[in-house]
Amino acid sequence: MSEVNRSPGVNLERVKEIIAACKVERWALIPVIQRIQNEFGYVPPEAIPIVAKSMKLFPSQVQGVISFYAQFYTKPRGRQVIRVCRGTACHVRGAETLLKMLEERLGIQEGETTPDMEYTLETVACIGVCTLAPNVVVNDAVHGYMDPEKLAKLLTKGEG
């Protein structure tokens, strides 16, 4: 693969080191993928054939595991991941308004990352704290009873 097609900041030698540190058995596929993602923040697409070859799998098998589990990502993500809950309680209490506000403020759509790699905006089906609806999660911190005013303060605090 040429340098032009490589993801920025991906050291394929490091990918090989991660694989070598694990037992190269099919059962170790998920731990290998997890370690690669922990190292780079996502699973670089060019790492998939290396993992497949090392584990005697087809690249499509590795990609299938990555795409099956929601915890794995094949695109770089922002330093701060903002998730808007779209569960019924959150939807009824204004989550769509919060999502539109975030899209406008960050200049990205759901599923995208800002060009400076600071923010990734996502939605989730439910985070399980419906009594606090509507909810916004920034990285691992849940912010309940969210409204546009609180969201504006949260964003200002996060940017400052």
Protein backbone atom coordinates (compact mmCIF):
# COMPACT_ATOMS: atom_id res chain seq x y z
CA MET A 1 0.00 0.00 0.00
CA SER A 2 1.40 3.38 -0.89
CA GLU A 3 2.02 6.11 1.67
CA VAL A 4 -0.66 8.22 -0.01
CA ASN A 5 -3.36 5.72 0.99
CA ARG A 6 -2.20 5.33 4.58
CA SER A 7 -4.13 6.79 7.48
CA PRO A 8 -2.25 9.64 9.14
CA GLY A 9 -0.12 8.62 12.10
CA VAL A 10 -0.44 4.88 11.52
CA ASN A 11 2.74 2.93 12.10
CA LEU A 12 2.19 -0.49 10.51
CA GLU A 13 5.24 -1.84 12.31
CA ARG A 14 3.45 -1.07 15.57
CA VAL A 15 0.43 -3.03 14.29
CA LYS A 16 2.73 -6.01 13.71
CA GLU A 17 4.18 -5.65 17.22
CA ILE A 18 0.69 -5.66 18.73
CA ILE A 19 -0.21 -8.80 16.80
CA ALA A 20 3.07 -10.49 17.82
CA ALA A 21 2.34 -9.75 21.49
CA CYS A 22 -0.89 -11.76 21.26
CA LYS A 23 -1.25 -15.42 20.60
CA VAL A 24 -1.85 -15.66 16.89
CA GLU A 25 -4.91 -17.87 17.18
CA ARG A 26 -8.37 -17.20 15.83
CA TRP A 27 -9.81 -16.79 19.33
CA ALA A 28 -7.44 -13.84 19.84
CA LEU A 29 -8.93 -11.80 17.00
CA ILE A 30 -11.07 -9.53 19.19
CA PRO A 31 -8.25 -8.83 21.70
CA VAL A 32 -5.91 -8.01 18.79
CA ILE A 33 -8.46 -5.62 17.28
CA GLN A 34 -9.03 -4.04 20.70
CA ARG A 35 -5.30 -3.47 21.21
CA ILE A 36 -4.91 -1.94 17.77
CA GLN A 37 -7.84 0.39 18.42
CA ASN A 38 -6.45 1.32 21.85
CA GLU A 39 -3.15 2.22 20.19
CA PHE A 40 -4.52 4.33 17.33
CA GLY A 41 -8.00 5.32 18.51
CA TYR A 42 -9.54 3.30 15.68
CA VAL A 43 -8.70 0.27 13.52
CA PRO A 44 -6.83 1.59 10.49
CA PRO A 45 -8.16 -0.13 7.34
CA GLU A 46 -4.61 -0.94 6.23
CA ALA A 47 -4.14 -2.97 9.43
CA ILE A 48 -6.93 -5.38 8.48
CA PRO A 49 -4.96 -7.39 5.86
CA ILE A 50 -1.99 -7.62 8.24
CA VAL A 51 -4.22 -8.98 11.02
CA ALA A 52 -5.91 -11.38 8.61
CA LYS A 53 -2.66 -12.77 7.25
CA SER A 54 -1.18 -13.20 10.74
CA MET A 55 -4.25 -15.06 11.95
CA LYS A 56 -4.79 -17.09 8.78
CA LEU A 57 -8.11 -15.42 8.08
CA PHE A 58 -9.56 -13.62 5.11
CA PRO A 59 -9.61 -9.80 5.39
CA SER A 60 -13.40 -9.99 5.00
CA GLN A 61 -13.58 -12.12 8.17
CA VAL A 62 -11.65 -9.51 10.15
CA GLN A 63 -13.75 -6.70 8.65
CA GLY A 64 -16.89 -8.68 9.51
CA VAL A 65 -15.94 -8.79 13.19
CA ILE A 66 -15.04 -5.10 13.19
CA SER A 67 -18.33 -4.09 11.56
CA PHE A 68 -20.40 -6.42 13.80
CA TYR A 69 -19.29 -4.86 17.08
CA ALA A 70 -20.34 -1.24 17.64
CA GLN A 71 -17.26 -0.63 19.80
CA PHE A 72 -14.89 -0.82 16.82
CA TYR A 73 -14.22 2.08 14.45
CA THR A 74 -12.41 2.19 11.11
CA LYS A 75 -12.17 5.97 10.89
CA PRO A 76 -10.27 8.34 13.19
CA ARG A 77 -12.42 9.85 15.90
CA GLY A 78 -12.26 13.13 17.74
CA ARG A 79 -10.60 13.60 21.09
CA GLN A 80 -14.07 14.27 22.46
CA VAL A 81 -16.93 12.03 21.40
CA ILE A 82 -20.35 13.57 21.90
CA ARG A 83 -23.32 11.20 21.83
CA VAL A 84 -26.94 12.30 21.78
CA CYS A 85 -29.41 9.73 23.07
CA ARG A 86 -32.29 9.05 20.68
CA GLY A 87 -34.26 6.78 22.97
CA THR A 88 -37.99 7.42 23.28
CA ALA A 89 -37.79 9.47 26.49
CA CYS A 90 -34.93 11.61 25.14
CA HIS A 91 -36.64 12.04 21.77
CA VAL A 92 -39.89 13.19 23.39
CA ARG A 93 -37.98 15.64 25.60
CA GLY A 94 -36.06 17.36 22.80
CA ALA A 95 -33.01 15.30 21.81
CA GLU A 96 -33.52 16.18 18.14
CA THR A 97 -33.20 19.88 18.95
CA LEU A 98 -29.98 19.18 20.85
CA LEU A 99 -28.60 17.18 17.94
CA LYS A 100 -29.39 19.96 15.45
CA MET A 101 -27.78 22.50 17.80
CA LEU A 102 -24.62 20.38 18.03
CA GLU A 103 -24.49 19.89 14.26
CA GLU A 104 -24.77 23.64 13.73
CA ARG A 105 -22.29 24.55 16.46
CA LEU A 106 -19.66 21.97 15.44
CA GLY A 107 -20.22 22.29 11.70
CA ILE A 108 -20.59 18.54 11.24
CA GLN A 109 -23.38 16.01 10.85
CA GLU A 110 -24.11 12.96 12.97
CA GLY A 111 -21.39 10.36 12.41
CA GLU A 112 -18.76 12.93 11.41
CA THR A 113 -15.62 14.30 13.04
CA THR A 114 -14.49 17.91 12.98
CA PRO A 115 -11.49 18.60 10.70
CA ASP A 116 -9.34 19.48 13.73
CA MET A 117 -10.11 16.01 15.19
CA GLU A 118 -11.49 17.59 18.35
CA TYR A 119 -15.11 16.34 18.18
CA THR A 120 -16.98 13.33 16.85
CA LEU A 121 -20.78 13.55 16.92
CA GLU A 122 -22.82 10.37 17.27
CA THR A 123 -26.27 9.25 18.27
CA VAL A 124 -27.16 6.18 20.30
CA ALA A 125 -30.42 4.28 20.57
CA CYS A 126 -30.52 4.50 24.38
CA ILE A 127 -28.02 5.00 27.16
CA GLY A 128 -30.28 3.62 29.86
CA VAL A 129 -30.91 6.64 32.07
CA CYS A 130 -34.31 7.63 30.74
CA THR A 131 -35.28 9.40 33.96
CA LEU A 132 -32.61 12.02 33.16
CA ALA A 133 -33.87 12.63 29.61
CA PRO A 134 -32.77 14.16 27.39
CA ASN A 135 -29.20 12.94 27.72
CA VAL A 136 -25.94 13.91 26.08
CA VAL A 137 -22.79 11.89 26.77
CA VAL A 138 -19.39 13.53 26.35
CA ASN A 139 -16.75 10.78 26.30
CA ASP A 140 -17.92 8.80 29.34
CA ALA A 141 -19.68 11.59 31.25
CA VAL A 142 -23.49 11.59 31.15
CA HIS A 143 -25.17 14.98 31.15
CA GLY A 144 -28.85 14.59 31.94
CA TYR A 145 -31.81 16.96 31.87
CA MET A 146 -30.04 18.63 28.94
CA ASP A 147 -31.57 21.64 27.25
CA PRO A 148 -30.18 24.13 24.72
CA GLU A 149 -28.96 26.52 27.43
CA LYS A 150 -27.14 23.80 29.38
CA LEU A 151 -25.71 22.41 26.13
CA ALA A 152 -24.34 25.84 25.17
CA LYS A 153 -22.65 26.10 28.59
CA LEU A 154 -21.26 22.58 28.28
CA LEU A 155 -19.78 23.36 24.87
CA THR A 156 -18.29 26.65 26.04
CA LYS A 157 -16.76 24.90 29.05
CA GLY A 158 -15.39 22.12 26.82
CA GLU A 159 -13.87 24.60 24.37
CA GLY A 160 -12.29 26.83 26.98
